Amino acid sequence: MINYKKDKQTSWCPGCGNFPLLDAYTEALEELGLENDQVAVISGIGQAAKIPHYMNVNGFQGLHGRALPVAFGVKAANPKLTVLVNTGDGDGYGEGGNHFLHAVRRNMDITHIVHDNQIYGLTKGQGSPTTAIGQTTTLQTSGVKSYPFNPMAVALSLGCTFVARGYVGDKERLKEIIKKGIKHKGYSLIDIFQPCVTFNKVNTYAYYKENTYYLDETHDEKDRMAALNIALQTEGKIPLGILYDNPKNDFHDFNNHVLEGLGQEKYDIEKIKNIIHKKFY
């Protein structure tokens, strides 16, 4: 079996939700049988963004909130690569929020995995876009005074073709969600609850176990309005699983000249320059 996980010491806190997430992530890739050199993992800045350091894959670590544009470029230049993006909730929905919106519009065939611990962990516990209103943090000592961002509802309202949420406390189900997201044709958003044991004392393993549930087989994954109604239910337990999975034409379907020009096994730099010059000048 292909080994995707490096034998390397991490810089995460003991008990961090990133440990089981890394296990689910690497096992999903191994079970899909993808070759290491055919996978690229792109990240920004933060604890979540350290994931490529611990994986045997092509990796690129960019700026905070800027992982998605890099991933777009990588996938456009080499459509044969399996491209995955790792961000935190702040990295992906805060600093990178604008790119997130346009990732849905472009529908490029990449998988966006968001490590959602509902806090800024790397910078010592400030409230993030997904922190609940009223929750106290190291910065918002009198409570967060902004309503939380709802990534599932936003993605669905924009027409995202794969929207799912997982939890690191259930590795087997999380692994299956990741595998389906990777196999989906188009932009896949997978929001993953993972506790920050150091700076978030509210959204703990016990909290998620008590306050989440899985969608059952009666849920129609192709029914967008049903998925949106579920995403908009903010009271009570939070749904886990695949809310929506209904592929449509992706970026390369609308831009097949990219495939025609760059679909060679070994890229000819001069030919690429000629294609770009011909198309844009």
Protein backbone atom coordinates (compact mmCIF):
# COMPACT_ATOMS: atom_id res chain seq x y z
CA MET A 1 0.00 0.00 0.00
CA ILE A 2 1.16 3.55 -0.78
CA ASN A 3 2.33 5.36 2.34
CA TYR A 4 1.06 8.92 2.48
CA LYS A 5 1.95 9.74 6.07
CA LYS A 6 5.47 10.87 6.94
CA ASP A 7 7.20 9.54 10.04
CA LYS A 8 7.83 13.03 11.31
CA GLN A 9 7.21 14.81 14.60
CA THR A 10 4.39 17.33 14.39
CA SER A 11 4.10 20.73 16.06
CA TRP A 12 0.46 20.27 17.13
CA CYS A 13 -0.66 20.25 20.75
CA PRO A 14 -1.29 16.82 22.31
CA GLY A 15 -4.93 15.91 21.70
CA CYS A 16 -5.33 18.29 18.75
CA GLY A 17 -8.09 17.31 16.34
CA ASN A 18 -5.61 17.54 13.50
CA PHE A 19 -4.07 14.19 14.47
CA PRO A 20 -7.15 12.04 13.66
CA LEU A 21 -7.88 14.29 10.67
CA LEU A 22 -4.42 13.57 9.26
CA ASP A 23 -5.01 9.84 9.77
CA ALA A 24 -8.37 9.93 7.98
CA TYR A 25 -6.90 12.07 5.21
CA THR A 26 -3.88 9.89 4.48
CA GLU A 27 -5.85 6.64 4.76
CA ALA A 28 -8.45 7.97 2.31
CA LEU A 29 -5.73 8.69 -0.27
CA GLU A 30 -4.12 5.30 0.31
CA GLU A 31 -7.41 3.49 -0.16
CA LEU A 32 -8.10 5.39 -3.38
CA GLY A 33 -4.80 4.01 -4.68
CA LEU A 34 -3.50 7.34 -5.95
CA GLU A 35 0.21 7.64 -6.62
CA ASN A 36 1.98 10.12 -4.34
CA ASP A 37 3.40 12.16 -7.20
CA GLN A 38 -0.06 12.57 -8.71
CA VAL A 39 -1.43 14.36 -5.64
CA ALA A 40 -0.83 18.00 -4.68
CA VAL A 41 -1.86 19.40 -1.29
CA ILE A 42 -2.02 23.20 -1.13
CA SER A 43 -2.34 25.14 2.12
CA GLY A 44 -2.24 28.64 3.56
CA ILE A 45 -1.11 29.56 7.06
CA GLY A 46 -2.24 28.07 10.37
CA GLN A 47 -2.25 24.77 12.22
CA ALA A 48 -4.37 23.18 9.49
CA ALA A 49 -1.95 24.44 6.85
CA LYS A 50 0.85 22.33 8.32
CA ILE A 51 -0.77 19.19 6.92
CA PRO A 52 1.45 19.03 3.76
CA HIS A 53 4.53 18.95 6.03
CA TYR A 54 3.44 15.55 7.29
CA MET A 55 2.39 13.95 4.00
CA ASN A 56 4.33 12.27 1.19
CA VAL A 57 2.83 14.37 -1.59
CA ASN A 58 3.54 17.42 -3.72
CA GLY A 59 2.90 20.37 -1.44
CA PHE A 60 2.76 24.14 -1.52
CA GLN A 61 2.26 26.45 1.44
CA GLY A 62 1.15 29.92 0.48
CA LEU A 63 -0.07 33.00 2.31
CA HIS A 64 -2.85 33.20 4.88
CA GLY A 65 -6.16 32.94 3.03
CA ARG A 66 -4.51 32.47 -0.36
CA ALA A 67 -4.40 28.69 -0.75
CA LEU A 68 -7.30 28.48 -3.22
CA PRO A 69 -5.78 30.72 -5.96
CA VAL A 70 -2.60 28.62 -5.87
CA ALA A 71 -4.69 25.46 -6.17
CA PHE A 72 -6.54 26.95 -9.16
CA GLY A 73 -3.24 27.58 -10.90
CA VAL A 74 -1.89 24.12 -10.13
CA LYS A 75 -5.02 22.38 -11.42
CA ALA A 76 -5.27 24.58 -14.52
CA ALA A 77 -1.63 23.90 -15.40
CA ASN A 78 -1.79 20.17 -14.70
CA PRO A 79 -5.38 18.87 -14.87
CA LYS A 80 -4.22 15.30 -14.27
CA LEU A 81 -3.17 16.08 -10.71
CA THR A 82 -5.51 15.34 -7.81
CA VAL A 83 -5.48 18.73 -6.08
CA LEU A 84 -6.52 19.18 -2.45
CA VAL A 85 -6.65 22.38 -0.41
CA ASN A 86 -6.23 22.55 3.37
CA THR A 87 -7.34 25.60 5.30
CA GLY A 88 -8.61 26.41 8.75
CA ASP A 89 -11.95 28.10 9.32
CA GLY A 90 -10.25 31.49 9.63
CA ASP A 91 -7.88 30.85 6.74
CA GLY A 92 -10.67 29.59 4.48
CA TYR A 93 -13.71 31.65 5.45
CA GLY A 94 -12.11 34.80 6.89
CA GLU A 95 -8.92 35.91 5.11
CA GLY A 96 -9.77 33.62 2.19
CA GLY A 97 -13.50 34.23 2.11
CA ASN A 98 -13.51 35.98 -1.25
CA HIS A 99 -11.57 33.12 -2.85
CA PHE A 100 -14.00 30.64 -1.31
CA LEU A 101 -16.94 32.35 -3.01
CA HIS A 102 -15.26 32.29 -6.40
CA ALA A 103 -14.08 28.71 -5.97
CA VAL A 104 -17.74 27.74 -6.03
CA ARG A 105 -18.32 29.82 -9.18
CA ARG A 106 -15.34 28.39 -11.07
CA ASN A 107 -16.18 24.83 -10.04
CA MET A 108 -12.64 23.64 -10.64
CA ASP A 109 -12.08 19.97 -9.82
CA ILE A 110 -10.38 20.40 -6.44
CA THR A 111 -11.25 19.23 -2.93
CA HIS A 112 -11.27 21.90 -0.22
CA ILE A 113 -10.86 20.46 3.28
CA VAL A 114 -11.54 22.99 6.03
CA HIS A 115 -10.28 22.20 9.53
CA ASP A 116 -13.08 23.90 11.44
CA ASN A 117 -12.15 24.24 15.13
CA GLN A 118 -14.25 27.41 15.47
CA ILE A 119 -11.27 29.42 16.76
CA TYR A 120 -7.95 30.86 15.57
CA GLY A 121 -5.59 28.28 17.08
CA LEU A 122 -2.21 29.40 15.73
CA THR A 123 -2.63 32.98 16.92
CA LYS A 124 -3.75 32.00 20.43
CA GLY A 125 -7.50 31.71 20.50
CA GLN A 126 -9.26 34.68 18.92
CA GLY A 127 -12.79 34.18 17.64
CA SER A 128 -12.96 32.96 14.03
CA PRO A 129 -15.75 33.35 11.44
CA THR A 130 -17.41 30.18 12.78
CA THR A 131 -17.17 30.97 16.51
CA ALA A 132 -20.64 31.16 18.12
CA ILE A 133 -22.02 34.54 19.09
CA GLY A 134 -21.48 35.25 22.79
CA GLN A 135 -18.61 32.77 23.16
CA THR A 136 -15.70 34.21 25.15
CA THR A 137 -12.21 33.93 23.73
CA THR A 138 -8.72 35.21 24.54
CA LEU A 139 -9.51 38.37 22.55
CA GLN A 140 -13.29 38.69 22.85
CA THR A 141 -13.31 38.49 26.64
CA SER A 142 -16.86 39.82 26.86
CA GLY A 143 -18.07 37.45 24.15
CA VAL A 144 -18.06 37.37 20.34
CA LYS A 145 -20.45 39.99 19.00
CA SER A 146 -20.76 38.82 15.39
CA TYR A 147 -23.04 36.10 14.08
CA PRO A 148 -21.18 32.96 12.91
CA PHE A 149 -20.58 32.30 9.23
CA ASN A 150 -22.56 29.37 7.81
CA PRO A 151 -20.28 27.80 5.18
CA MET A 152 -22.71 24.99 4.28
CA ALA A 153 -25.57 27.40 3.54
CA VAL A 154 -23.36 29.86 1.67
CA ALA A 155 -21.85 27.14 -0.52
CA LEU A 156 -25.25 25.66 -1.35
CA SER A 157 -26.81 29.04 -2.11
CA LEU A 158 -24.00 29.72 -4.60
CA GLY A 159 -24.50 26.39 -6.35
CA CYS A 160 -21.63 24.33 -4.94
CA THR A 161 -21.90 20.79 -6.31
CA PHE A 162 -20.48 18.90 -3.31
CA VAL A 163 -21.10 20.08 0.26
CA ALA A 164 -20.30 17.89 3.24
CA ARG A 165 -19.41 18.06 6.91
CA GLY A 166 -17.41 15.54 8.93
CA TYR A 167 -16.06 15.09 12.44
CA VAL A 168 -12.64 13.82 13.46
CA GLY A 169 -14.13 11.74 16.29
CA ASP A 170 -15.47 9.28 13.69
CA LYS A 171 -12.50 8.50 11.47
CA GLU A 172 -14.15 5.82 9.35
CA ARG A 173 -17.10 7.98 8.30
CA LEU A 174 -14.85 10.99 7.82
CA LYS A 175 -12.56 8.94 5.60
CA GLU A 176 -15.50 7.93 3.39
CA ILE A 177 -16.65 11.55 3.08
CA ILE A 178 -13.15 12.61 2.02
CA LYS A 179 -12.94 9.81 -0.56
CA LYS A 180 -16.28 10.82 -2.08
CA GLY A 181 -15.22 14.46 -2.15
CA ILE A 182 -12.01 13.59 -4.00
CA LYS A 183 -13.87 11.46 -6.55
CA HIS A 184 -16.49 14.17 -7.13
CA LYS A 185 -16.04 16.06 -10.41
CA GLY A 186 -15.89 19.75 -9.51
CA TYR A 187 -15.24 21.87 -6.43
CA SER A 188 -15.89 19.89 -3.25
CA LEU A 189 -16.26 21.59 0.13
CA ILE A 190 -15.71 19.41 3.20
CA ASP A 191 -16.03 21.27 6.49
CA ILE A 192 -14.57 19.18 9.32
CA PHE A 193 -15.19 19.73 13.02
CA GLN A 194 -11.93 19.21 14.89
CA PRO A 195 -11.40 20.38 18.48
CA CYS A 196 -8.72 22.86 19.46
CA VAL A 197 -7.99 21.43 22.90
CA THR A 198 -5.82 24.38 23.99
CA PHE A 199 -7.81 27.48 23.03
CA ASN A 200 -11.42 26.35 22.55
CA LYS A 201 -12.91 24.95 25.74
CA VAL A 202 -16.47 25.01 24.36
CA ASN A 203 -16.33 22.99 21.12
CA THR A 204 -14.68 19.91 22.60
CA TYR A 205 -14.80 16.22 21.66
CA ALA A 206 -17.59 15.78 24.20
CA TYR A 207 -19.48 18.76 22.76
CA TYR A 208 -19.39 17.41 19.20
CA LYS A 209 -20.37 13.92 20.32
CA GLU A 210 -23.41 15.35 22.11
CA ASN A 211 -24.41 17.98 19.56
CA THR A 212 -24.08 16.32 16.14
CA TYR A 213 -25.96 13.65 14.22
CA TYR A 214 -25.57 11.91 10.85
CA LEU A 215 -27.98 12.34 7.98
CA ASP A 216 -29.62 9.00 7.24
CA GLU A 217 -30.26 7.19 3.97
CA THR A 218 -33.59 8.94 3.48
CA HIS A 219 -31.76 12.20 2.73
CA ASP A 220 -31.59 12.82 -1.03
CA GLU A 221 -28.07 14.07 -1.74
CA LYS A 222 -29.20 15.49 -5.11
CA ASP A 223 -31.95 17.65 -3.59
CA ARG A 224 -30.37 21.08 -3.25
CA MET A 225 -33.29 22.71 -1.47
CA ALA A 226 -33.48 19.90 1.07
CA ALA A 227 -29.76 20.31 1.70
CA LEU A 228 -30.12 24.08 2.06
CA ASN A 229 -33.00 23.68 4.53
CA ILE A 230 -30.83 21.36 6.60
CA ALA A 231 -27.89 23.79 6.46
CA LEU A 232 -30.11 26.65 7.62
CA GLN A 233 -31.24 24.78 10.72
CA THR A 234 -29.02 26.45 13.30
CA GLU A 235 -30.90 25.33 16.40
CA GLY A 236 -30.37 21.93 17.96
CA LYS A 237 -27.94 19.25 16.78
CA ILE A 238 -25.67 19.85 13.79
CA PRO A 239 -25.95 17.49 10.79
CA LEU A 240 -22.94 15.51 9.59
CA GLY A 241 -22.48 13.70 6.30
CA ILE A 242 -22.95 14.62 2.65
CA LEU A 243 -25.56 17.35 2.35
CA TYR A 244 -25.32 17.68 -1.42
CA ASP A 245 -23.60 15.77 -4.21
CA ASN A 246 -24.73 16.61 -7.73
CA PRO A 247 -21.95 17.22 -10.29
CA LYS A 248 -22.27 19.57 -13.25
CA ASN A 249 -19.89 20.98 -15.84
CA ASP A 250 -16.61 22.02 -14.23
CA PHE A 251 -13.92 24.56 -15.11
CA HIS A 252 -12.21 22.40 -17.71
CA ASP A 253 -15.48 21.56 -19.47
CA PHE A 254 -15.87 25.28 -20.18
CA ASN A 255 -12.17 25.81 -20.90
CA ASN A 256 -11.24 22.77 -22.95
CA HIS A 257 -8.55 24.72 -24.80
CA VAL A 258 -6.51 24.32 -21.59
CA LEU A 259 -6.77 20.54 -21.86
CA GLU A 260 -6.02 20.61 -25.58
CA GLY A 261 -2.96 22.79 -25.10
CA LEU A 262 -1.55 21.30 -21.94
CA GLY A 263 -2.75 17.71 -22.00
CA GLN A 264 0.64 16.24 -22.87
CA GLU A 265 2.61 13.91 -20.63
CA LYS A 266 5.60 16.26 -20.58
CA TYR A 267 4.91 19.93 -20.95
CA ASP A 268 6.75 21.87 -23.67
CA ILE A 269 7.46 25.32 -22.20
CA GLU A 270 7.76 26.99 -25.60
CA LYS A 271 4.46 25.49 -26.72
CA ILE A 272 2.78 26.73 -23.55
CA LYS A 273 4.12 30.24 -24.18
CA ASN A 274 2.79 30.13 -27.73
CA ILE A 275 -0.65 29.00 -26.54
CA ILE A 276 -0.82 31.81 -23.98
CA HIS A 277 0.37 34.39 -26.50
CA LYS A 278 -2.13 33.22 -29.08
CA LYS A 279 -5.07 33.26 -26.65
CA PHE A 280 -4.41 36.54 -24.86
CA TYR A 281 -2.33 38.80 -27.11
